[in-house]
Amino acid sequence: MGVRALPVKDHILWSIFNFVYCNFCCLGFLALVFSVKSRDRKVLGDIYGAENYSSTSKTLNIAATFLSILVFVIIFGLLVAGVISVHPR
């Protein structure tokens, strides 16, 4: 019996969410690309390559999520402070 490797997480759902909702400076798209590459490497049996692409995808997903939340908080803060205002027509 050989040693079984832990399954590599490809973060595909998180990447799709970031691509659709939190695509800050195309980071969500890049995360999706690396998630798909990770899944392809996993199917081919290249665990090292899959882990490498998965790690990159995770980092890009964290950056996209954080920066999108940061922009939302800044805009909300500026609205509350009255620096910017929205006037309906």
N, C-alpha and C. Protein backbone atom coordinates (compact mmCIF):
# COMPACT_ATOMS: atom_id res chain seq x y z
N MET A 1 0.83 -1.19 0.00
CA MET A 1 0.00 0.00 0.00
C MET A 1 0.87 1.24 0.00
N GLY A 2 0.57 2.14 -0.89
CA GLY A 2 1.32 3.39 -0.98
C GLY A 2 0.72 4.46 -0.07
N VAL A 3 1.45 5.52 0.07
CA VAL A 3 0.98 6.64 0.86
C VAL A 3 0.01 7.45 0.00
N ARG A 4 -1.17 7.71 0.55
CA ARG A 4 -2.16 8.48 -0.21
C ARG A 4 -1.96 9.96 0.05
N ALA A 5 -1.90 10.74 -1.01
CA ALA A 5 -1.74 12.18 -0.89
C ALA A 5 -3.08 12.82 -0.55
N LEU A 6 -3.03 13.88 0.23
CA LEU A 6 -4.24 14.62 0.53
C LEU A 6 -4.75 15.28 -0.74
N PRO A 7 -6.06 15.34 -0.92
CA PRO A 7 -6.57 16.00 -2.13
C PRO A 7 -6.22 17.48 -2.14
N VAL A 8 -5.86 17.95 -3.30
CA VAL A 8 -5.48 19.35 -3.47
C VAL A 8 -6.75 20.17 -3.67
N LYS A 9 -6.89 21.23 -2.88
CA LYS A 9 -8.04 22.12 -3.04
C LYS A 9 -7.73 23.09 -4.17
N ASP A 10 -8.66 23.21 -5.11
CA ASP A 10 -8.41 24.11 -6.24
C ASP A 10 -9.12 25.46 -6.09
N HIS A 11 -9.95 25.63 -5.06
CA HIS A 11 -10.61 26.91 -4.75
C HIS A 11 -11.46 27.42 -5.92
N ILE A 12 -12.07 26.51 -6.67
CA ILE A 12 -12.80 26.92 -7.86
C ILE A 12 -14.06 27.72 -7.53
N LEU A 13 -14.80 27.33 -6.48
CA LEU A 13 -16.02 28.06 -6.14
C LEU A 13 -15.72 29.47 -5.67
N TRP A 14 -14.69 29.60 -4.85
CA TRP A 14 -14.27 30.92 -4.37
C TRP A 14 -13.83 31.79 -5.55
N SER A 15 -13.12 31.18 -6.49
CA SER A 15 -12.66 31.92 -7.67
C SER A 15 -13.83 32.38 -8.54
N ILE A 16 -14.83 31.51 -8.70
CA ILE A 16 -16.00 31.90 -9.49
C ILE A 16 -16.73 33.05 -8.79
N PHE A 17 -16.88 32.96 -7.47
CA PHE A 17 -17.53 34.04 -6.71
C PHE A 17 -16.78 35.35 -6.90
N ASN A 18 -15.46 35.31 -6.76
CA ASN A 18 -14.66 36.53 -6.93
C ASN A 18 -14.71 37.04 -8.36
N PHE A 19 -14.75 36.15 -9.32
CA PHE A 19 -14.83 36.57 -10.72
C PHE A 19 -16.15 37.29 -11.00
N VAL A 20 -17.24 36.79 -10.42
CA VAL A 20 -18.55 37.38 -10.69
C VAL A 20 -18.80 38.62 -9.84
N TYR A 21 -18.47 38.57 -8.55
CA TYR A 21 -18.86 39.64 -7.63
C TYR A 21 -17.71 40.54 -7.16
N CYS A 22 -16.51 40.03 -7.05
CA CYS A 22 -15.41 40.80 -6.46
C CYS A 22 -14.22 40.85 -7.41
N ASN A 23 -14.44 41.20 -8.64
CA ASN A 23 -13.38 41.15 -9.65
C ASN A 23 -12.56 42.44 -9.63
N PHE A 24 -11.91 42.71 -8.52
CA PHE A 24 -11.11 43.92 -8.35
C PHE A 24 -9.86 43.82 -9.22
N CYS A 25 -9.73 44.72 -10.18
CA CYS A 25 -8.57 44.77 -11.09
C CYS A 25 -8.27 43.42 -11.73
N CYS A 26 -9.31 42.69 -12.06
CA CYS A 26 -9.21 41.38 -12.72
C CYS A 26 -8.53 40.31 -11.87
N LEU A 27 -8.41 40.53 -10.56
CA LEU A 27 -7.82 39.50 -9.70
C LEU A 27 -8.72 38.27 -9.61
N GLY A 28 -10.03 38.47 -9.67
CA GLY A 28 -10.96 37.35 -9.66
C GLY A 28 -10.79 36.48 -10.89
N PHE A 29 -10.57 37.11 -12.03
CA PHE A 29 -10.35 36.37 -13.28
C PHE A 29 -9.04 35.58 -13.21
N LEU A 30 -7.99 36.21 -12.70
CA LEU A 30 -6.71 35.51 -12.58
C LEU A 30 -6.81 34.34 -11.61
N ALA A 31 -7.53 34.53 -10.51
CA ALA A 31 -7.73 33.44 -9.56
C ALA A 31 -8.47 32.28 -10.22
N LEU A 32 -9.45 32.60 -11.04
CA LEU A 32 -10.19 31.56 -11.75
C LEU A 32 -9.29 30.81 -12.72
N VAL A 33 -8.42 31.51 -13.41
CA VAL A 33 -7.49 30.87 -14.34
C VAL A 33 -6.58 29.90 -13.59
N PHE A 34 -6.03 30.32 -12.46
CA PHE A 34 -5.13 29.46 -11.69
C PHE A 34 -5.89 28.30 -11.04
N SER A 35 -7.16 28.50 -10.69
CA SER A 35 -7.96 27.39 -10.16
C SER A 35 -8.18 26.32 -11.21
N VAL A 36 -8.46 26.75 -12.43
CA VAL A 36 -8.66 25.79 -13.52
C VAL A 36 -7.34 25.07 -13.83
N LYS A 37 -6.23 25.80 -13.81
CA LYS A 37 -4.93 25.17 -14.03
C LYS A 37 -4.64 24.15 -12.94
N SER A 38 -4.99 24.48 -11.70
CA SER A 38 -4.78 23.55 -10.59
C SER A 38 -5.61 22.29 -10.78
N ARG A 39 -6.86 22.46 -11.20
CA ARG A 39 -7.73 21.31 -11.44
C ARG A 39 -7.18 20.45 -12.58
N ASP A 40 -6.67 21.08 -13.64
CA ASP A 40 -6.09 20.33 -14.75
C ASP A 40 -4.87 19.53 -14.30
N ARG A 41 -4.01 20.15 -13.50
CA ARG A 41 -2.82 19.46 -13.00
C ARG A 41 -3.20 18.29 -12.10
N LYS A 42 -4.26 18.48 -11.31
CA LYS A 42 -4.72 17.42 -10.42
C LYS A 42 -5.22 16.22 -11.23
N VAL A 43 -5.95 16.50 -12.31
CA VAL A 43 -6.46 15.43 -13.17
C VAL A 43 -5.30 14.67 -13.83
N LEU A 44 -4.26 15.40 -14.19
CA LEU A 44 -3.10 14.76 -14.83
C LEU A 44 -2.21 14.01 -13.84
N GLY A 45 -2.46 14.19 -12.53
CA GLY A 45 -1.66 13.50 -11.52
C GLY A 45 -0.44 14.26 -11.05
N ASP A 46 -0.30 15.50 -11.48
CA ASP A 46 0.83 16.34 -11.07
C ASP A 46 0.46 17.07 -9.78
N ILE A 47 0.69 16.41 -8.65
CA ILE A 47 0.29 16.97 -7.36
C ILE A 47 1.09 18.23 -7.03
N TYR A 48 2.39 18.23 -7.32
CA TYR A 48 3.22 19.40 -7.03
C TYR A 48 2.74 20.62 -7.84
N GLY A 49 2.47 20.44 -9.11
CA GLY A 49 1.97 21.53 -9.95
C GLY A 49 0.59 21.99 -9.50
N ALA A 50 -0.26 21.04 -9.12
CA ALA A 50 -1.60 21.39 -8.65
C ALA A 50 -1.53 22.20 -7.37
N GLU A 51 -0.65 21.82 -6.45
CA GLU A 51 -0.49 22.57 -5.20
C GLU A 51 0.06 23.97 -5.47
N ASN A 52 0.97 24.09 -6.42
CA ASN A 52 1.55 25.38 -6.75
C ASN A 52 0.48 26.33 -7.32
N TYR A 53 -0.29 25.84 -8.29
CA TYR A 53 -1.36 26.67 -8.86
C TYR A 53 -2.45 26.96 -7.83
N SER A 54 -2.74 25.98 -6.97
CA SER A 54 -3.74 26.17 -5.92
C SER A 54 -3.32 27.26 -4.94
N SER A 55 -2.06 27.27 -4.59
CA SER A 55 -1.54 28.29 -3.67
C SER A 55 -1.64 29.68 -4.30
N THR A 56 -1.31 29.78 -5.57
CA THR A 56 -1.42 31.06 -6.27
C THR A 56 -2.88 31.51 -6.35
N SER A 57 -3.77 30.57 -6.64
CA SER A 57 -5.19 30.88 -6.70
C SER A 57 -5.71 31.36 -5.35
N LYS A 58 -5.30 30.72 -4.29
CA LYS A 58 -5.73 31.11 -2.94
C LYS A 58 -5.25 32.53 -2.62
N THR A 59 -4.00 32.83 -2.94
CA THR A 59 -3.45 34.16 -2.69
C THR A 59 -4.20 35.22 -3.47
N LEU A 60 -4.49 34.95 -4.74
CA LEU A 60 -5.24 35.91 -5.56
C LEU A 60 -6.67 36.07 -5.06
N ASN A 61 -7.29 34.99 -4.60
CA ASN A 61 -8.63 35.08 -4.04
C ASN A 61 -8.66 35.91 -2.77
N ILE A 62 -7.67 35.73 -1.91
CA ILE A 62 -7.58 36.54 -0.69
C ILE A 62 -7.42 38.01 -1.04
N ALA A 63 -6.54 38.30 -1.99
CA ALA A 63 -6.31 39.69 -2.38
C ALA A 63 -7.57 40.30 -3.00
N ALA A 64 -8.25 39.57 -3.88
CA ALA A 64 -9.46 40.08 -4.53
C ALA A 64 -10.56 40.34 -3.51
N THR A 65 -10.74 39.41 -2.59
CA THR A 65 -11.78 39.56 -1.57
C THR A 65 -11.47 40.75 -0.66
N PHE A 66 -10.23 40.82 -0.18
CA PHE A 66 -9.84 41.89 0.73
C PHE A 66 -9.96 43.26 0.07
N LEU A 67 -9.45 43.41 -1.13
CA LEU A 67 -9.48 44.70 -1.81
C LEU A 67 -10.90 45.13 -2.17
N SER A 68 -11.74 44.17 -2.55
CA SER A 68 -13.13 44.51 -2.85
C SER A 68 -13.88 44.97 -1.60
N ILE A 69 -13.65 44.29 -0.49
CA ILE A 69 -14.28 44.71 0.78
C ILE A 69 -13.75 46.07 1.20
N LEU A 70 -12.45 46.30 1.03
CA LEU A 70 -11.85 47.58 1.39
C LEU A 70 -12.46 48.72 0.57
N VAL A 71 -12.63 48.52 -0.73
CA VAL A 71 -13.23 49.56 -1.57
C VAL A 71 -14.67 49.83 -1.12
N PHE A 72 -15.42 48.77 -0.83
CA PHE A 72 -16.79 48.94 -0.36
C PHE A 72 -16.83 49.74 0.95
N VAL A 73 -15.96 49.41 1.88
CA VAL A 73 -15.93 50.11 3.17
C VAL A 73 -15.55 51.58 2.98
N ILE A 74 -14.59 51.85 2.13
CA ILE A 74 -14.18 53.24 1.88
C ILE A 74 -15.32 54.04 1.25
N ILE A 75 -15.98 53.47 0.26
CA ILE A 75 -17.09 54.18 -0.39
C ILE A 75 -18.23 54.39 0.61
N PHE A 76 -18.54 53.37 1.40
CA PHE A 76 -19.59 53.51 2.41
C PHE A 76 -19.22 54.58 3.44
N GLY A 77 -17.96 54.59 3.85
CA GLY A 77 -17.49 55.61 4.80
C GLY A 77 -17.59 57.02 4.22
N LEU A 78 -17.25 57.17 2.96
CA LEU A 78 -17.36 58.48 2.32
C LEU A 78 -18.81 58.92 2.17
N LEU A 79 -19.71 57.97 1.92
CA LEU A 79 -21.14 58.30 1.86
C LEU A 79 -21.66 58.74 3.21
N VAL A 80 -21.28 58.03 4.26
CA VAL A 80 -21.74 58.37 5.61
C VAL A 80 -21.16 59.71 6.05
N ALA A 81 -19.91 59.97 5.72
CA ALA A 81 -19.26 61.23 6.10
C ALA A 81 -19.77 62.41 5.29
N GLY A 82 -20.45 62.15 4.20
CA GLY A 82 -20.98 63.23 3.39
C GLY A 82 -20.01 63.77 2.37
N VAL A 83 -18.88 63.13 2.20
CA VAL A 83 -17.89 63.57 1.21
C VAL A 83 -18.44 63.38 -0.19
N ILE A 84 -19.11 62.26 -0.41
CA ILE A 84 -19.80 62.04 -1.68
C ILE A 84 -21.28 61.84 -1.37
N SER A 85 -22.11 62.18 -2.33
CA SER A 85 -23.54 62.04 -2.11
C SER A 85 -24.21 61.53 -3.37
N VAL A 86 -25.33 60.90 -3.17
CA VAL A 86 -26.09 60.37 -4.29
C VAL A 86 -27.41 61.11 -4.34
N HIS A 87 -27.65 61.78 -5.45
CA HIS A 87 -28.89 62.54 -5.63
C HIS A 87 -29.73 61.86 -6.70
N PRO A 88 -30.92 61.39 -6.33
CA PRO A 88 -31.79 60.79 -7.36
C PRO A 88 -32.34 61.88 -8.29
N ARG A 89 -32.56 61.53 -9.52
CA ARG A 89 -33.06 62.49 -10.49
C ARG A 89 -34.54 62.57 -10.46
